[in-house]
Amino acid sequence: MASQCDRKLSHDYMRRHNEALRCIHLQLCLNYRLTKSKKIRNHSLQECVSNDLAEIRIDTRIPTGIKVKYNKPDIFILVKLRKEILFVEVGITSFDHLRAVEYKKKDKYDLLVNH
């Protein structure tokens, strides 16, 4: 019974993660004028959307010149005018574990950020 609960809990966390990702993706698409629709129920995650302002990728490996363990952020944003790259990592956790998850997510991409 406990193992079934763990599987269900894992599924629930993944579902909430994907829903949060979809909400963030919609807001980013609106911010960078990649969509005009504000309705979340009609919004779907596309692997890559792009225009002259930005390129947004979902769960896509980032090609690097160095070997890195973590190079697949939840959301990768290339802001074309500023030549800036942003990573978004979504973490669904309890309040008690919030700081630990936050540090883990930040540390994941330190090598890429500092390279």
N, C-alpha and C. Protein backbone atom coordinates (compact mmCIF):
# COMPACT_ATOMS: atom_id res chain seq x y z
N MET A 1 0.82 -1.20 0.00
CA MET A 1 0.00 0.00 0.00
C MET A 1 0.86 1.26 0.00
N ALA A 2 1.93 1.24 0.80
CA ALA A 2 2.79 2.42 0.89
C ALA A 2 3.45 2.72 -0.45
N SER A 3 3.86 1.67 -1.18
CA SER A 3 4.51 1.91 -2.47
C SER A 3 3.53 2.51 -3.47
N GLN A 4 2.27 2.10 -3.40
CA GLN A 4 1.27 2.68 -4.28
C GLN A 4 1.05 4.14 -3.94
N CYS A 5 1.09 4.48 -2.66
CA CYS A 5 0.94 5.87 -2.24
C CYS A 5 2.11 6.71 -2.75
N ASP A 6 3.32 6.15 -2.68
CA ASP A 6 4.50 6.86 -3.19
C ASP A 6 4.37 7.13 -4.69
N ARG A 7 3.88 6.14 -5.42
CA ARG A 7 3.71 6.33 -6.87
C ARG A 7 2.66 7.39 -7.15
N LYS A 8 1.57 7.35 -6.40
CA LYS A 8 0.52 8.35 -6.60
C LYS A 8 1.02 9.73 -6.23
N LEU A 9 1.77 9.82 -5.13
CA LEU A 9 2.32 11.10 -4.70
C LEU A 9 3.26 11.65 -5.77
N SER A 10 4.12 10.80 -6.31
CA SER A 10 5.05 11.21 -7.37
C SER A 10 4.28 11.70 -8.59
N HIS A 11 3.23 10.99 -8.95
CA HIS A 11 2.39 11.39 -10.09
C HIS A 11 1.74 12.75 -9.83
N ASP A 12 1.24 12.96 -8.62
CA ASP A 12 0.61 14.24 -8.27
C ASP A 12 1.60 15.39 -8.33
N TYR A 13 2.82 15.15 -7.83
CA TYR A 13 3.85 16.20 -7.89
C TYR A 13 4.19 16.53 -9.35
N MET A 14 4.31 15.51 -10.19
CA MET A 14 4.63 15.73 -11.60
C MET A 14 3.50 16.49 -12.30
N ARG A 15 2.27 16.13 -11.99
CA ARG A 15 1.12 16.82 -12.59
C ARG A 15 1.11 18.29 -12.18
N ARG A 16 1.35 18.56 -10.89
CA ARG A 16 1.39 19.95 -10.41
C ARG A 16 2.58 20.70 -11.02
N HIS A 17 3.71 20.02 -11.15
CA HIS A 17 4.89 20.61 -11.78
C HIS A 17 4.56 21.04 -13.21
N ASN A 18 3.93 20.15 -13.97
CA ASN A 18 3.61 20.44 -15.36
C ASN A 18 2.57 21.55 -15.49
N GLU A 19 1.62 21.60 -14.58
CA GLU A 19 0.63 22.68 -14.60
C GLU A 19 1.28 24.02 -14.27
N ALA A 20 2.18 24.04 -13.28
CA ALA A 20 2.91 25.27 -12.95
C ALA A 20 3.76 25.70 -14.14
N LEU A 21 4.40 24.75 -14.79
CA LEU A 21 5.22 25.03 -15.96
C LEU A 21 4.38 25.65 -17.08
N ARG A 22 3.19 25.11 -17.26
CA ARG A 22 2.28 25.63 -18.30
C ARG A 22 1.87 27.07 -18.00
N CYS A 23 1.58 27.37 -16.74
CA CYS A 23 1.20 28.74 -16.34
C CYS A 23 2.36 29.72 -16.57
N ILE A 24 3.55 29.31 -16.17
CA ILE A 24 4.74 30.16 -16.35
C ILE A 24 5.01 30.36 -17.84
N HIS A 25 4.90 29.29 -18.60
CA HIS A 25 5.14 29.36 -20.05
C HIS A 25 4.16 30.33 -20.71
N LEU A 26 2.89 30.25 -20.34
CA LEU A 26 1.90 31.17 -20.90
C LEU A 26 2.27 32.61 -20.58
N GLN A 27 2.63 32.89 -19.34
CA GLN A 27 2.99 34.26 -18.96
C GLN A 27 4.21 34.76 -19.73
N LEU A 28 5.20 33.89 -19.89
CA LEU A 28 6.38 34.27 -20.68
C LEU A 28 6.02 34.52 -22.14
N CYS A 29 5.16 33.69 -22.70
CA CYS A 29 4.72 33.89 -24.08
C CYS A 29 3.98 35.21 -24.24
N LEU A 30 3.18 35.57 -23.25
CA LEU A 30 2.50 36.87 -23.28
C LEU A 30 3.50 38.01 -23.15
N ASN A 31 4.46 37.88 -22.23
CA ASN A 31 5.46 38.93 -22.02
C ASN A 31 6.29 39.20 -23.27
N TYR A 32 6.63 38.14 -24.00
CA TYR A 32 7.47 38.29 -25.19
C TYR A 32 6.64 38.30 -26.48
N ARG A 33 5.35 38.50 -26.36
CA ARG A 33 4.42 38.62 -27.50
C ARG A 33 4.47 37.41 -28.44
N LEU A 34 4.57 36.24 -27.84
CA LEU A 34 4.55 35.00 -28.62
C LEU A 34 3.14 34.44 -28.75
N THR A 35 2.22 34.97 -27.96
CA THR A 35 0.81 34.60 -28.03
C THR A 35 -0.02 35.79 -27.59
N LYS A 36 -1.29 35.78 -27.99
CA LYS A 36 -2.20 36.84 -27.56
C LYS A 36 -3.26 36.31 -26.61
N SER A 37 -3.45 35.00 -26.62
CA SER A 37 -4.48 34.39 -25.77
C SER A 37 -4.02 34.33 -24.32
N LYS A 38 -4.88 34.78 -23.42
CA LYS A 38 -4.57 34.76 -21.99
C LYS A 38 -5.20 33.56 -21.29
N LYS A 39 -5.85 32.69 -22.04
CA LYS A 39 -6.59 31.57 -21.44
C LYS A 39 -5.68 30.36 -21.26
N ILE A 40 -5.49 29.99 -20.00
CA ILE A 40 -4.60 28.86 -19.68
C ILE A 40 -5.16 27.54 -20.20
N ARG A 41 -6.47 27.39 -20.21
CA ARG A 41 -7.04 26.10 -20.62
C ARG A 41 -6.76 25.80 -22.10
N ASN A 42 -6.54 26.84 -22.90
CA ASN A 42 -6.24 26.64 -24.32
C ASN A 42 -4.75 26.61 -24.62
N HIS A 43 -3.93 26.87 -23.60
CA HIS A 43 -2.48 26.96 -23.83
C HIS A 43 -1.83 25.59 -23.72
N SER A 44 -0.99 25.28 -24.68
CA SER A 44 -0.24 24.02 -24.63
C SER A 44 1.25 24.33 -24.68
N LEU A 45 2.01 23.47 -24.03
CA LEU A 45 3.46 23.63 -24.03
C LEU A 45 4.01 23.15 -25.36
N GLN A 46 4.73 24.02 -26.03
CA GLN A 46 5.42 23.66 -27.26
C GLN A 46 6.91 23.62 -26.96
N GLU A 47 7.60 22.69 -27.55
CA GLU A 47 9.03 22.53 -27.26
C GLU A 47 9.81 23.82 -27.54
N CYS A 48 9.45 24.53 -28.62
CA CYS A 48 10.15 25.77 -28.95
C CYS A 48 9.18 26.75 -29.59
N VAL A 49 9.17 27.97 -29.07
CA VAL A 49 8.43 29.08 -29.68
C VAL A 49 9.40 30.24 -29.80
N SER A 50 9.26 31.01 -30.89
CA SER A 50 10.26 32.04 -31.14
C SER A 50 9.66 33.19 -31.95
N ASN A 51 10.20 34.37 -31.74
CA ASN A 51 9.93 35.52 -32.58
C ASN A 51 11.18 36.40 -32.57
N ASP A 52 11.05 37.67 -32.99
CA ASP A 52 12.23 38.54 -33.04
C ASP A 52 12.67 39.01 -31.65
N LEU A 53 11.83 38.83 -30.63
CA LEU A 53 12.18 39.25 -29.27
C LEU A 53 12.86 38.15 -28.46
N ALA A 54 12.32 36.93 -28.58
CA ALA A 54 12.81 35.86 -27.70
C ALA A 54 12.56 34.48 -28.31
N GLU A 55 13.28 33.53 -27.74
CA GLU A 55 13.08 32.11 -28.05
C GLU A 55 12.89 31.41 -26.72
N ILE A 56 11.82 30.63 -26.60
CA ILE A 56 11.54 29.90 -25.37
C ILE A 56 11.49 28.42 -25.69
N ARG A 57 12.29 27.65 -24.94
CA ARG A 57 12.34 26.20 -25.13
C ARG A 57 11.95 25.51 -23.83
N ILE A 58 11.25 24.40 -23.96
CA ILE A 58 10.80 23.60 -22.82
C ILE A 58 11.54 22.27 -22.82
N ASP A 59 12.14 21.92 -21.66
CA ASP A 59 12.82 20.62 -21.50
C ASP A 59 13.71 20.25 -22.68
N THR A 60 14.55 21.18 -23.09
CA THR A 60 15.43 20.96 -24.23
C THR A 60 16.88 21.02 -23.78
N ARG A 61 17.67 20.08 -24.22
CA ARG A 61 19.10 20.08 -23.88
C ARG A 61 19.78 21.30 -24.50
N ILE A 62 20.70 21.87 -23.73
CA ILE A 62 21.46 23.02 -24.18
C ILE A 62 22.82 22.52 -24.65
N PRO A 63 23.17 22.76 -25.92
CA PRO A 63 24.49 22.33 -26.37
C PRO A 63 25.58 23.15 -25.68
N THR A 64 26.59 22.47 -25.17
CA THR A 64 27.67 23.16 -24.47
C THR A 64 29.01 22.67 -24.98
N GLY A 65 30.02 23.48 -24.78
CA GLY A 65 31.37 23.10 -25.16
C GLY A 65 32.06 22.29 -24.08
N ILE A 66 31.41 22.17 -22.93
CA ILE A 66 31.96 21.42 -21.81
C ILE A 66 30.98 20.32 -21.42
N LYS A 67 31.48 19.31 -20.74
CA LYS A 67 30.60 18.23 -20.29
C LYS A 67 29.96 18.63 -18.97
N VAL A 68 28.63 18.69 -18.97
CA VAL A 68 27.89 19.05 -17.76
C VAL A 68 26.80 18.02 -17.53
N LYS A 69 26.53 17.75 -16.27
CA LYS A 69 25.52 16.76 -15.91
C LYS A 69 24.12 17.31 -16.15
N TYR A 70 23.90 18.56 -15.79
CA TYR A 70 22.57 19.17 -15.91
C TYR A 70 22.60 20.23 -17.00
N ASN A 71 21.96 19.96 -18.12
CA ASN A 71 21.87 20.96 -19.18
C ASN A 71 20.50 20.91 -19.86
N LYS A 72 19.48 20.62 -19.06
CA LYS A 72 18.12 20.52 -19.58
C LYS A 72 17.16 21.21 -18.61
N PRO A 73 17.16 22.55 -18.57
CA PRO A 73 16.27 23.25 -17.65
C PRO A 73 14.80 23.10 -18.07
N ASP A 74 13.91 23.34 -17.11
CA ASP A 74 12.48 23.29 -17.43
C ASP A 74 12.15 24.28 -18.54
N ILE A 75 12.64 25.51 -18.40
CA ILE A 75 12.42 26.54 -19.42
C ILE A 75 13.75 27.24 -19.69
N PHE A 76 14.07 27.38 -20.96
CA PHE A 76 15.25 28.11 -21.43
C PHE A 76 14.73 29.29 -22.23
N ILE A 77 15.19 30.49 -21.89
CA ILE A 77 14.75 31.70 -22.59
C ILE A 77 15.96 32.42 -23.15
N LEU A 78 15.94 32.67 -24.44
CA LEU A 78 16.96 33.49 -25.08
C LEU A 78 16.29 34.83 -25.39
N VAL A 79 16.71 35.88 -24.69
CA VAL A 79 16.20 37.23 -24.95
C VAL A 79 17.12 37.81 -26.02
N LYS A 80 16.62 37.90 -27.23
CA LYS A 80 17.47 38.20 -28.38
C LYS A 80 18.04 39.62 -28.37
N LEU A 81 17.24 40.61 -28.02
CA LEU A 81 17.71 41.99 -28.05
C LEU A 81 18.81 42.25 -27.02
N ARG A 82 18.69 41.65 -25.86
CA ARG A 82 19.69 41.84 -24.80
C ARG A 82 20.79 40.79 -24.84
N LYS A 83 20.65 39.80 -25.73
CA LYS A 83 21.60 38.69 -25.81
C LYS A 83 21.81 38.09 -24.43
N GLU A 84 20.69 37.74 -23.82
CA GLU A 84 20.67 37.22 -22.45
C GLU A 84 19.98 35.86 -22.44
N ILE A 85 20.49 34.97 -21.62
CA ILE A 85 19.88 33.65 -21.46
C ILE A 85 19.37 33.52 -20.04
N LEU A 86 18.14 33.03 -19.91
CA LEU A 86 17.53 32.81 -18.60
C LEU A 86 17.10 31.35 -18.49
N PHE A 87 17.28 30.78 -17.31
CA PHE A 87 16.79 29.44 -17.01
C PHE A 87 15.68 29.56 -16.00
N VAL A 88 14.65 28.74 -16.17
CA VAL A 88 13.58 28.64 -15.17
C VAL A 88 13.49 27.17 -14.76
N GLU A 89 13.58 26.92 -13.48
CA GLU A 89 13.43 25.58 -12.92
C GLU A 89 12.23 25.62 -11.98
N VAL A 90 11.32 24.70 -12.15
CA VAL A 90 10.12 24.62 -11.31
C VAL A 90 10.32 23.51 -10.29
N GLY A 91 10.05 23.83 -9.03
CA GLY A 91 10.14 22.83 -7.97
C GLY A 91 8.85 22.80 -7.17
N ILE A 92 8.21 21.67 -7.10
CA ILE A 92 6.98 21.50 -6.32
C ILE A 92 7.37 20.74 -5.06
N THR A 93 7.19 21.38 -3.92
CA THR A 93 7.60 20.77 -2.66
C THR A 93 6.76 21.33 -1.52
N SER A 94 6.99 20.80 -0.35
CA SER A 94 6.31 21.32 0.84
C SER A 94 7.08 22.53 1.35
N PHE A 95 6.43 23.33 2.17
CA PHE A 95 7.06 24.52 2.73
C PHE A 95 8.29 24.16 3.55
N ASP A 96 8.24 23.02 4.24
CA ASP A 96 9.37 22.58 5.08
C ASP A 96 10.64 22.32 4.27
N HIS A 97 10.50 21.93 3.02
CA HIS A 97 11.65 21.59 2.18
C HIS A 97 11.96 22.66 1.14
N LEU A 98 11.30 23.80 1.22
CA LEU A 98 11.43 24.83 0.19
C LEU A 98 12.86 25.30 0.00
N ARG A 99 13.55 25.64 1.07
CA ARG A 99 14.94 26.15 0.97
C ARG A 99 15.88 25.10 0.36
N ALA A 100 15.74 23.86 0.79
CA ALA A 100 16.61 22.80 0.27
C ALA A 100 16.42 22.63 -1.24
N VAL A 101 15.17 22.64 -1.68
CA VAL A 101 14.88 22.49 -3.11
C VAL A 101 15.40 23.70 -3.88
N GLU A 102 15.23 24.88 -3.30
CA GLU A 102 15.71 26.10 -3.94
C GLU A 102 17.22 26.05 -4.16
N TYR A 103 17.97 25.67 -3.14
CA TYR A 103 19.43 25.57 -3.27
C TYR A 103 19.83 24.49 -4.27
N LYS A 104 19.12 23.37 -4.24
CA LYS A 104 19.42 22.27 -5.17
C LYS A 104 19.23 22.72 -6.61
N LYS A 105 18.13 23.42 -6.87
CA LYS A 105 17.85 23.90 -8.22
C LYS A 105 18.89 24.92 -8.68
N LYS A 106 19.30 25.81 -7.78
CA LYS A 106 20.32 26.81 -8.13
C LYS A 106 21.67 26.16 -8.41
N ASP A 107 22.05 25.21 -7.56
CA ASP A 107 23.35 24.54 -7.71
C ASP A 107 23.44 23.71 -8.99
N LYS A 108 22.29 23.22 -9.45
CA LYS A 108 22.25 22.36 -10.62
C LYS A 108 22.93 22.99 -11.84
N TYR A 109 22.76 24.28 -12.01
CA TYR A 109 23.24 24.95 -13.22
C TYR A 109 24.41 25.89 -12.98
N ASP A 110 25.04 25.79 -11.81
CA ASP A 110 26.19 26.64 -11.50
C ASP A 110 27.30 26.54 -12.55
N LEU A 111 27.58 25.34 -13.00
CA LEU A 111 28.65 25.14 -13.97
C LEU A 111 28.35 25.86 -15.28
N LEU A 112 27.10 25.81 -15.72
CA LEU A 112 26.73 26.51 -16.96
C LEU A 112 26.77 28.02 -16.78
N VAL A 113 26.27 28.50 -15.67
CA VAL A 113 26.20 29.94 -15.42
C VAL A 113 27.59 30.54 -15.31
N ASN A 114 28.49 29.84 -14.66
CA ASN A 114 29.83 30.38 -14.40
C ASN A 114 30.85 30.02 -15.48
N HIS A 115 30.42 29.36 -16.55
CA HIS A 115 31.35 28.96 -17.61
C HIS A 115 31.51 30.08 -18.62
